């Protein structure tokens, strides 16, 4: 299964991508500000359940791909590395900010949770992200690919729940600043771009996890 060093690198990479406020975090903050911490936590939980569906699909799909062709799996890994670099460059060039977060209307906690699941589950960008990100830390020579990806996915979701939960809890007092502070958003955008590009370049240049 996963080597400790490999898992540690995955955790550090995941944290680098998670701590920077993105559209999902800004939505959670907006929900917390408008309806309270429970609403923020409900939206965060829904978003991560939707993400888990993409992880399951990626694990099963890439496992089947490896069984059919190790070359195809390698191609997917390199394409994934290129996609991560593309995401980083796009984050650098983008001007996304608080204005991109729609004003949220009051809803029941159950509805907020369901909305989070549906929105993330139907987001093709989320599917592409996991299809590109997870294989970079998978080594087919160390066991079942699907099991490795599911384990990585569970680690990522756990970290994301903690990260998003902290944002939701802090949003009651700091939410407006998190949404409206342009310096914070620009700094986060640059840091996130660097994290994506660094991860993509490292994955592309490393041959240690190739099949």
C-alpha atoms as a PDB file:
ATOM      1  CA  UNK A   1       0.000   0.000   0.000  1.00  0.00           C
ATOM      2  CA  UNK A   2       1.079   3.605   0.472  1.00  0.00           C
ATOM      3  CA  UNK A   3       4.559   4.433   1.729  1.00  0.00           C
ATOM      4  CA  UNK A   4       4.680   6.784   4.766  1.00  0.00           C
ATOM      5  CA  UNK A   5       6.729   9.342   2.811  1.00  0.00           C
ATOM      6  CA  UNK A   6       4.270   9.161  -0.071  1.00  0.00           C
ATOM      7  CA  UNK A   7       1.320   9.676   2.254  1.00  0.00           C
ATOM      8  CA  UNK A   8       3.070  12.569   3.968  1.00  0.00           C
ATOM      9  CA  UNK A   9       3.683  14.256   0.619  1.00  0.00           C
ATOM     10  CA  UNK A  10       0.032  13.765  -0.286  1.00  0.00           C
ATOM     11  CA  UNK A  11      -1.120  15.319   2.993  1.00  0.00           C
ATOM     12  CA  UNK A  12       1.175  18.323   2.554  1.00  0.00           C
ATOM     13  CA  UNK A  13       0.050  18.793  -1.043  1.00  0.00           C
ATOM     14  CA  UNK A  14      -3.611  18.502  -0.060  1.00  0.00           C
ATOM     15  CA  UNK A  15      -3.219  21.044   2.745  1.00  0.00           C
ATOM     16  CA  UNK A  16      -1.472  23.462   0.390  1.00  0.00           C
ATOM     17  CA  UNK A  17      -4.474  23.276  -1.940  1.00  0.00           C
ATOM     18  CA  UNK A  18      -7.143  23.324   0.779  1.00  0.00           C
ATOM     19  CA  UNK A  19      -6.062  26.173   3.021  1.00  0.00           C
ATOM     20  CA  UNK A  20      -6.384  28.768   0.255  1.00  0.00           C
ATOM     21  CA  UNK A  21      -9.980  30.063   0.049  1.00  0.00           C
ATOM     22  CA  UNK A  22     -11.499  28.957  -3.245  1.00  0.00           C
ATOM     23  CA  UNK A  23     -15.066  29.175  -4.597  1.00  0.00           C
ATOM     24  CA  UNK A  24     -16.302  26.364  -2.328  1.00  0.00           C
ATOM     25  CA  UNK A  25     -14.804  27.934   0.799  1.00  0.00           C
ATOM     26  CA  UNK A  26     -16.181  31.344  -0.133  1.00  0.00           C
ATOM     27  CA  UNK A  27     -19.628  29.800  -0.561  1.00  0.00           C
ATOM     28  CA  UNK A  28     -19.341  28.126   2.859  1.00  0.00           C
ATOM     29  CA  UNK A  29     -18.267  31.431   4.383  1.00  0.00           C
ATOM     30  CA  UNK A  30     -21.162  33.221   2.701  1.00  0.00           C
ATOM     31  CA  UNK A  31     -23.587  30.619   4.026  1.00  0.00           C
ATOM     32  CA  UNK A  32     -22.161  30.914   7.543  1.00  0.00           C
ATOM     33  CA  UNK A  33     -22.354  34.694   7.482  1.00  0.00           C
ATOM     34  CA  UNK A  34     -25.946  34.720   6.259  1.00  0.00           C
ATOM     35  CA  UNK A  35     -27.368  31.835   8.314  1.00  0.00           C
ATOM     36  CA  UNK A  36     -24.904  30.935  11.027  1.00  0.00           C
ATOM     37  CA  UNK A  37     -22.277  28.327  11.720  1.00  0.00           C
ATOM     38  CA  UNK A  38     -24.568  25.306  11.463  1.00  0.00           C
ATOM     39  CA  UNK A  39     -25.530  26.331   7.948  1.00  0.00           C
ATOM     40  CA  UNK A  40     -21.864  26.691   7.047  1.00  0.00           C
ATOM     41  CA  UNK A  41     -21.057  23.267   8.466  1.00  0.00           C
ATOM     42  CA  UNK A  42     -24.012  21.725   6.615  1.00  0.00           C
ATOM     43  CA  UNK A  43     -22.864  23.225   3.323  1.00  0.00           C
ATOM     44  CA  UNK A  44     -19.300  22.010   3.958  1.00  0.00           C
ATOM     45  CA  UNK A  45     -20.512  18.477   4.677  1.00  0.00           C
ATOM     46  CA  UNK A  46     -22.608  18.444   1.513  1.00  0.00           C
ATOM     47  CA  UNK A  47     -19.741  19.659  -0.636  1.00  0.00           C
ATOM     48  CA  UNK A  48     -17.471  16.903   0.650  1.00  0.00           C
ATOM     49  CA  UNK A  49     -20.059  14.170   0.142  1.00  0.00           C
ATOM     50  CA  UNK A  50     -20.299  15.326  -3.468  1.00  0.00           C
ATOM     51  CA  UNK A  51     -16.509  15.202  -3.699  1.00  0.00           C
ATOM     52  CA  UNK A  52     -16.493  11.638  -2.373  1.00  0.00           C
ATOM     53  CA  UNK A  53     -18.707  10.563  -5.281  1.00  0.00           C
ATOM     54  CA  UNK A  54     -16.076  11.870  -7.690  1.00  0.00           C
ATOM     55  CA  UNK A  55     -13.349  10.043  -5.775  1.00  0.00           C
ATOM     56  CA  UNK A  56     -15.259   6.759  -6.051  1.00  0.00           C
ATOM     57  CA  UNK A  57     -15.728   7.289  -9.787  1.00  0.00           C
ATOM     58  CA  UNK A  58     -12.055   8.146 -10.271  1.00  0.00           C
ATOM     59  CA  UNK A  59     -10.882   5.141  -8.251  1.00  0.00           C
ATOM     60  CA  UNK A  60     -13.031   2.677 -10.153  1.00  0.00           C
ATOM     61  CA  UNK A  61     -12.349   4.247 -13.537  1.00  0.00           C
ATOM     62  CA  UNK A  62      -8.574   4.435 -13.156  1.00  0.00           C
ATOM     63  CA  UNK A  63      -8.416   0.931 -11.712  1.00  0.00           C
ATOM     64  CA  UNK A  64     -10.224  -0.401 -14.781  1.00  0.00           C
ATOM     65  CA  UNK A  65      -7.906   1.662 -16.994  1.00  0.00           C
ATOM     66  CA  UNK A  66      -4.820   0.116 -15.407  1.00  0.00           C
ATOM     67  CA  UNK A  67      -6.196  -3.389 -15.945  1.00  0.00           C
ATOM     68  CA  UNK A  68      -6.628  -2.620 -19.631  1.00  0.00           C
ATOM     69  CA  UNK A  69      -3.326  -0.816 -20.213  1.00  0.00           C
ATOM     70  CA  UNK A  70      -0.481   0.370 -17.987  1.00  0.00           C
ATOM     71  CA  UNK A  71       0.544   2.735 -20.805  1.00  0.00           C
ATOM     72  CA  UNK A  72      -2.888   4.354 -20.732  1.00  0.00           C
ATOM     73  CA  UNK A  73      -2.581   4.794 -16.972  1.00  0.00           C
ATOM     74  CA  UNK A  74       0.803   6.503 -17.440  1.00  0.00           C
ATOM     75  CA  UNK A  75      -0.672   8.785 -20.097  1.00  0.00           C
ATOM     76  CA  UNK A  76      -3.482   9.754 -17.725  1.00  0.00           C
ATOM     77  CA  UNK A  77      -0.944  10.586 -15.025  1.00  0.00           C
ATOM     78  CA  UNK A  78       1.030  12.883 -17.315  1.00  0.00           C
ATOM     79  CA  UNK A  79      -2.135  14.496 -18.644  1.00  0.00           C
ATOM     80  CA  UNK A  80      -3.188  14.966 -15.028  1.00  0.00           C
ATOM     81  CA  UNK A  81       0.114  16.661 -14.227  1.00  0.00           C
ATOM     82  CA  UNK A  82      -0.388  18.969 -17.205  1.00  0.00           C
ATOM     83  CA  UNK A  83      -3.919  19.751 -16.049  1.00  0.00           C
ATOM     84  CA  UNK A  84      -2.672  20.674 -12.567  1.00  0.00           C
ATOM     85  CA  UNK A  85      -0.159  23.074 -14.138  1.00  0.00           C
ATOM     86  CA  UNK A  86      -2.982  24.529 -16.237  1.00  0.00           C
ATOM     87  CA  UNK A  87      -5.083  25.036 -13.103  1.00  0.00           C
ATOM     88  CA  UNK A  88      -2.192  26.866 -11.460  1.00  0.00           C
ATOM     89  CA  UNK A  89      -1.675  29.192 -14.419  1.00  0.00           C
ATOM     90  CA  UNK A  90      -5.405  29.860 -14.603  1.00  0.00           C
ATOM     91  CA  UNK A  91      -5.508  30.734 -10.897  1.00  0.00           C
ATOM     92  CA  UNK A  92      -2.663  33.201 -11.442  1.00  0.00           C
ATOM     93  CA  UNK A  93      -4.461  34.850 -14.348  1.00  0.00           C
ATOM     94  CA  UNK A  94      -7.964  34.807 -12.895  1.00  0.00           C
ATOM     95  CA  UNK A  95      -9.642  37.658 -11.066  1.00  0.00           C
ATOM     96  CA  UNK A  96     -12.156  35.561  -9.179  1.00  0.00           C
ATOM     97  CA  UNK A  97     -13.191  36.979  -5.851  1.00  0.00           C
ATOM     98  CA  UNK A  98     -16.073  37.746  -3.579  1.00  0.00           C
ATOM     99  CA  UNK A  99     -18.099  39.077  -6.480  1.00  0.00           C
ATOM    100  CA  UNK A 100     -18.254  35.548  -7.880  1.00  0.00           C
ATOM    101  CA  UNK A 101     -20.009  34.235  -4.778  1.00  0.00           C
ATOM    102  CA  UNK A 102     -23.730  34.552  -5.223  1.00  0.00           C
ATOM    103  CA  UNK A 103     -25.807  35.927  -2.403  1.00  0.00           C
ATOM    104  CA  UNK A 104     -27.247  32.931  -0.608  1.00  0.00           C
ATOM    105  CA  UNK A 105     -30.860  32.770   0.469  1.00  0.00           C
ATOM    106  CA  UNK A 106     -31.941  31.270   3.799  1.00  0.00           C
ATOM    107  CA  UNK A 107     -32.670  27.537   3.536  1.00  0.00           C
ATOM    108  CA  UNK A 108     -33.200  24.606   5.875  1.00  0.00           C
ATOM    109  CA  UNK A 109     -30.105  22.691   6.974  1.00  0.00           C
ATOM    110  CA  UNK A 110     -31.278  19.610   5.099  1.00  0.00           C
ATOM    111  CA  UNK A 111     -31.694  21.609   1.908  1.00  0.00           C
ATOM    112  CA  UNK A 112     -28.327  23.310   2.371  1.00  0.00           C
ATOM    113  CA  UNK A 113     -26.658  19.909   2.739  1.00  0.00           C
ATOM    114  CA  UNK A 114     -28.437  18.537  -0.330  1.00  0.00           C
ATOM    115  CA  UNK A 115     -27.481  21.582  -2.373  1.00  0.00           C
ATOM    116  CA  UNK A 116     -23.830  21.099  -1.439  1.00  0.00           C
ATOM    117  CA  UNK A 117     -23.936  17.449  -2.529  1.00  0.00           C
ATOM    118  CA  UNK A 118     -25.683  18.164  -5.819  1.00  0.00           C
ATOM    119  CA  UNK A 119     -23.624  21.188  -6.790  1.00  0.00           C
ATOM    120  CA  UNK A 120     -20.303  19.430  -6.219  1.00  0.00           C
ATOM    121  CA  UNK A 121     -21.412  16.050  -7.580  1.00  0.00           C
ATOM    122  CA  UNK A 122     -22.518  17.672 -10.847  1.00  0.00           C
ATOM    123  CA  UNK A 123     -19.410  19.836 -11.169  1.00  0.00           C
ATOM    124  CA  UNK A 124     -17.211  18.464 -13.998  1.00  0.00           C
ATOM    125  CA  UNK A 125     -14.271  20.544 -12.756  1.00  0.00           C
ATOM    126  CA  UNK A 126     -14.300  18.574  -9.499  1.00  0.00           C
ATOM    127  CA  UNK A 127     -14.250  15.293 -11.423  1.00  0.00           C
ATOM    128  CA  UNK A 128     -11.309  16.473 -13.541  1.00  0.00           C
ATOM    129  CA  UNK A 129      -9.432  17.627 -10.450  1.00  0.00           C
ATOM    130  CA  UNK A 130      -9.588  14.263  -8.685  1.00  0.00           C
ATOM    131  CA  UNK A 131      -8.884  12.393 -11.929  1.00  0.00           C
ATOM    132  CA  UNK A 132      -5.719  14.482 -12.272  1.00  0.00           C
ATOM    133  CA  UNK A 133      -4.663  14.817  -8.620  1.00  0.00           C
ATOM    134  CA  UNK A 134      -5.053  11.370  -7.050  1.00  0.00           C
ATOM    135  CA  UNK A 135      -3.128   9.282  -9.623  1.00  0.00           C
ATOM    136  CA  UNK A 136       0.021  11.321  -8.978  1.00  0.00           C
ATOM    137  CA  UNK A 137       0.363   9.540  -5.613  1.00  0.00           C
ATOM    138  CA  UNK A 138      -0.638   6.040  -6.733  1.00  0.00           C
ATOM    139  CA  UNK A 139       1.912   3.293  -7.360  1.00  0.00           C
ATOM    140  CA  UNK A 140       0.358   0.289  -9.162  1.00  0.00           C
ATOM    141  CA  UNK A 141       3.292  -1.807  -8.017  1.00  0.00           C
ATOM    142  CA  UNK A 142       2.183  -1.500  -4.400  1.00  0.00           C
ATOM    143  CA  UNK A 143      -1.246  -3.053  -4.579  1.00  0.00           C
ATOM    144  CA  UNK A 144      -4.785  -2.378  -5.702  1.00  0.00           C
ATOM    145  CA  UNK A 145      -5.034   1.007  -7.428  1.00  0.00           C
ATOM    146  CA  UNK A 146      -8.670   1.502  -6.442  1.00  0.00           C
ATOM    147  CA  UNK A 147      -7.856   0.829  -2.772  1.00  0.00           C
ATOM    148  CA  UNK A 148      -4.950   3.286  -2.850  1.00  0.00           C
ATOM    149  CA  UNK A 149      -7.090   5.990  -4.428  1.00  0.00           C
ATOM    150  CA  UNK A 150      -9.945   5.426  -2.014  1.00  0.00           C
ATOM    151  CA  UNK A 151      -7.532   5.726   0.907  1.00  0.00           C
ATOM    152  CA  UNK A 152      -6.066   8.922  -0.535  1.00  0.00           C
ATOM    153  CA  UNK A 153      -9.563  10.198  -1.177  1.00  0.00           C
ATOM    154  CA  UNK A 154     -10.631   9.551   2.406  1.00  0.00           C
ATOM    155  CA  UNK A 155      -7.535  11.373   3.673  1.00  0.00           C
ATOM    156  CA  UNK A 156      -8.290  14.320   1.389  1.00  0.00           C
ATOM    157  CA  UNK A 157     -11.953  14.449   2.425  1.00  0.00           C
ATOM    158  CA  UNK A 158     -10.987  14.299   6.112  1.00  0.00           C
ATOM    159  CA  UNK A 159      -8.592  17.205   5.686  1.00  0.00           C
ATOM    160  CA  UNK A 160     -11.183  19.111   3.650  1.00  0.00           C
ATOM    161  CA  UNK A 161     -13.884  18.617   6.286  1.00  0.00           C
ATOM    162  CA  UNK A 162     -11.563  19.948   8.989  1.00  0.00           C
ATOM    163  CA  UNK A 163     -10.418  22.863   6.827  1.00  0.00           C
ATOM    164  CA  UNK A 164     -13.908  23.847   5.668  1.00  0.00           C
ATOM    165  CA  UNK A 165     -15.290  23.351   9.157  1.00  0.00           C
ATOM    166  CA  UNK A 166     -12.760  25.807  10.560  1.00  0.00           C
ATOM    167  CA  UNK A 167     -13.747  28.349   7.931  1.00  0.00           C
ATOM    168  CA  UNK A 168     -17.415  27.808   8.746  1.00  0.00           C
ATOM    169  CA  UNK A 169     -16.841  28.278  12.481  1.00  0.00           C
ATOM    170  CA  UNK A 170     -14.726  31.395  12.006  1.00  0.00           C
ATOM    171  CA  UNK A 171     -17.044  32.922   9.446  1.00  0.00           C
ATOM    172  CA  UNK A 172     -19.440  34.253  12.064  1.00  0.00           C
ATOM    173  CA  UNK A 173     -16.903  36.861  13.142  1.00  0.00           C
ATOM    174  CA  UNK A 174     -14.459  36.952  10.227  1.00  0.00           C
ATOM    175  CA  UNK A 175     -16.643  35.992   7.285  1.00  0.00           C
ATOM    176  CA  UNK A 176     -17.065  39.457   5.835  1.00  0.00           C
ATOM    177  CA  UNK A 177     -13.314  40.008   5.939  1.00  0.00           C
ATOM    178  CA  UNK A 178     -12.651  36.652   4.287  1.00  0.00           C
ATOM    179  CA  UNK A 179     -15.073  37.473   1.502  1.00  0.00           C
ATOM    180  CA  UNK A 180     -14.209  41.127   0.965  1.00  0.00           C
ATOM    181  CA  UNK A 181     -10.462  41.333   1.696  1.00  0.00           C
ATOM    182  CA  UNK A 182      -8.954  41.706  -1.773  1.00  0.00           C
ATOM    183  CA  UNK A 183      -5.373  41.440  -0.536  1.00  0.00           C
ATOM    184  CA  UNK A 184      -6.140  38.091   1.107  1.00  0.00           C
ATOM    185  CA  UNK A 185      -7.872  36.820  -2.024  1.00  0.00           C
ATOM    186  CA  UNK A 186      -5.062  37.912  -4.338  1.00  0.00           C
ATOM    187  CA  UNK A 187      -2.414  36.406  -2.069  1.00  0.00           C
ATOM    188  CA  UNK A 188      -4.389  33.185  -1.833  1.00  0.00           C
ATOM    189  CA  UNK A 189      -4.830  33.076  -5.597  1.00  0.00           C
ATOM    190  CA  UNK A 190      -1.083  33.411  -6.176  1.00  0.00           C
ATOM    191  CA  UNK A 191      -0.251  30.816  -3.521  1.00  0.00           C
ATOM    192  CA  UNK A 192      -2.818  28.363  -4.899  1.00  0.00           C
ATOM    193  CA  UNK A 193      -1.458  28.816  -8.417  1.00  0.00           C
ATOM    194  CA  UNK A 194       2.055  28.105  -7.201  1.00  0.00           C
ATOM    195  CA  UNK A 195       0.848  25.002  -5.341  1.00  0.00           C
ATOM    196  CA  UNK A 196      -0.906  23.598  -8.427  1.00  0.00           C
ATOM    197  CA  UNK A 197       2.023  24.314 -10.739  1.00  0.00           C
ATOM    198  CA  UNK A 198       4.583  22.932  -8.292  1.00  0.00           C
ATOM    199  CA  UNK A 199       2.587  19.748  -7.818  1.00  0.00           C
ATOM    200  CA  UNK A 200       2.104  19.303 -11.547  1.00  0.00           C
ATOM    201  CA  UNK A 201       5.781  19.845 -12.368  1.00  0.00           C
ATOM    202  CA  UNK A 202       6.906  17.524  -9.568  1.00  0.00           C
ATOM    203  CA  UNK A 203       4.529  14.808 -10.742  1.00  0.00           C
ATOM    204  CA  UNK A 204       5.609  15.171 -14.367  1.00  0.00           C
ATOM    205  CA  UNK A 205       9.324  14.988 -13.552  1.00  0.00           C
ATOM    206  CA  UNK A 206       9.075  12.157 -11.043  1.00  0.00           C
ATOM    207  CA  UNK A 207       9.223   8.628 -12.340  1.00  0.00           C
ATOM    208  CA  UNK A 208       8.957   6.912  -8.975  1.00  0.00           C
ATOM    209  CA  UNK A 209       5.237   6.324  -9.134  1.00  0.00           C
ATOM    210  CA  UNK A 210       4.996   5.341 -12.769  1.00  0.00           C
ATOM    211  CA  UNK A 211       3.723   1.815 -13.513  1.00  0.00           C
END
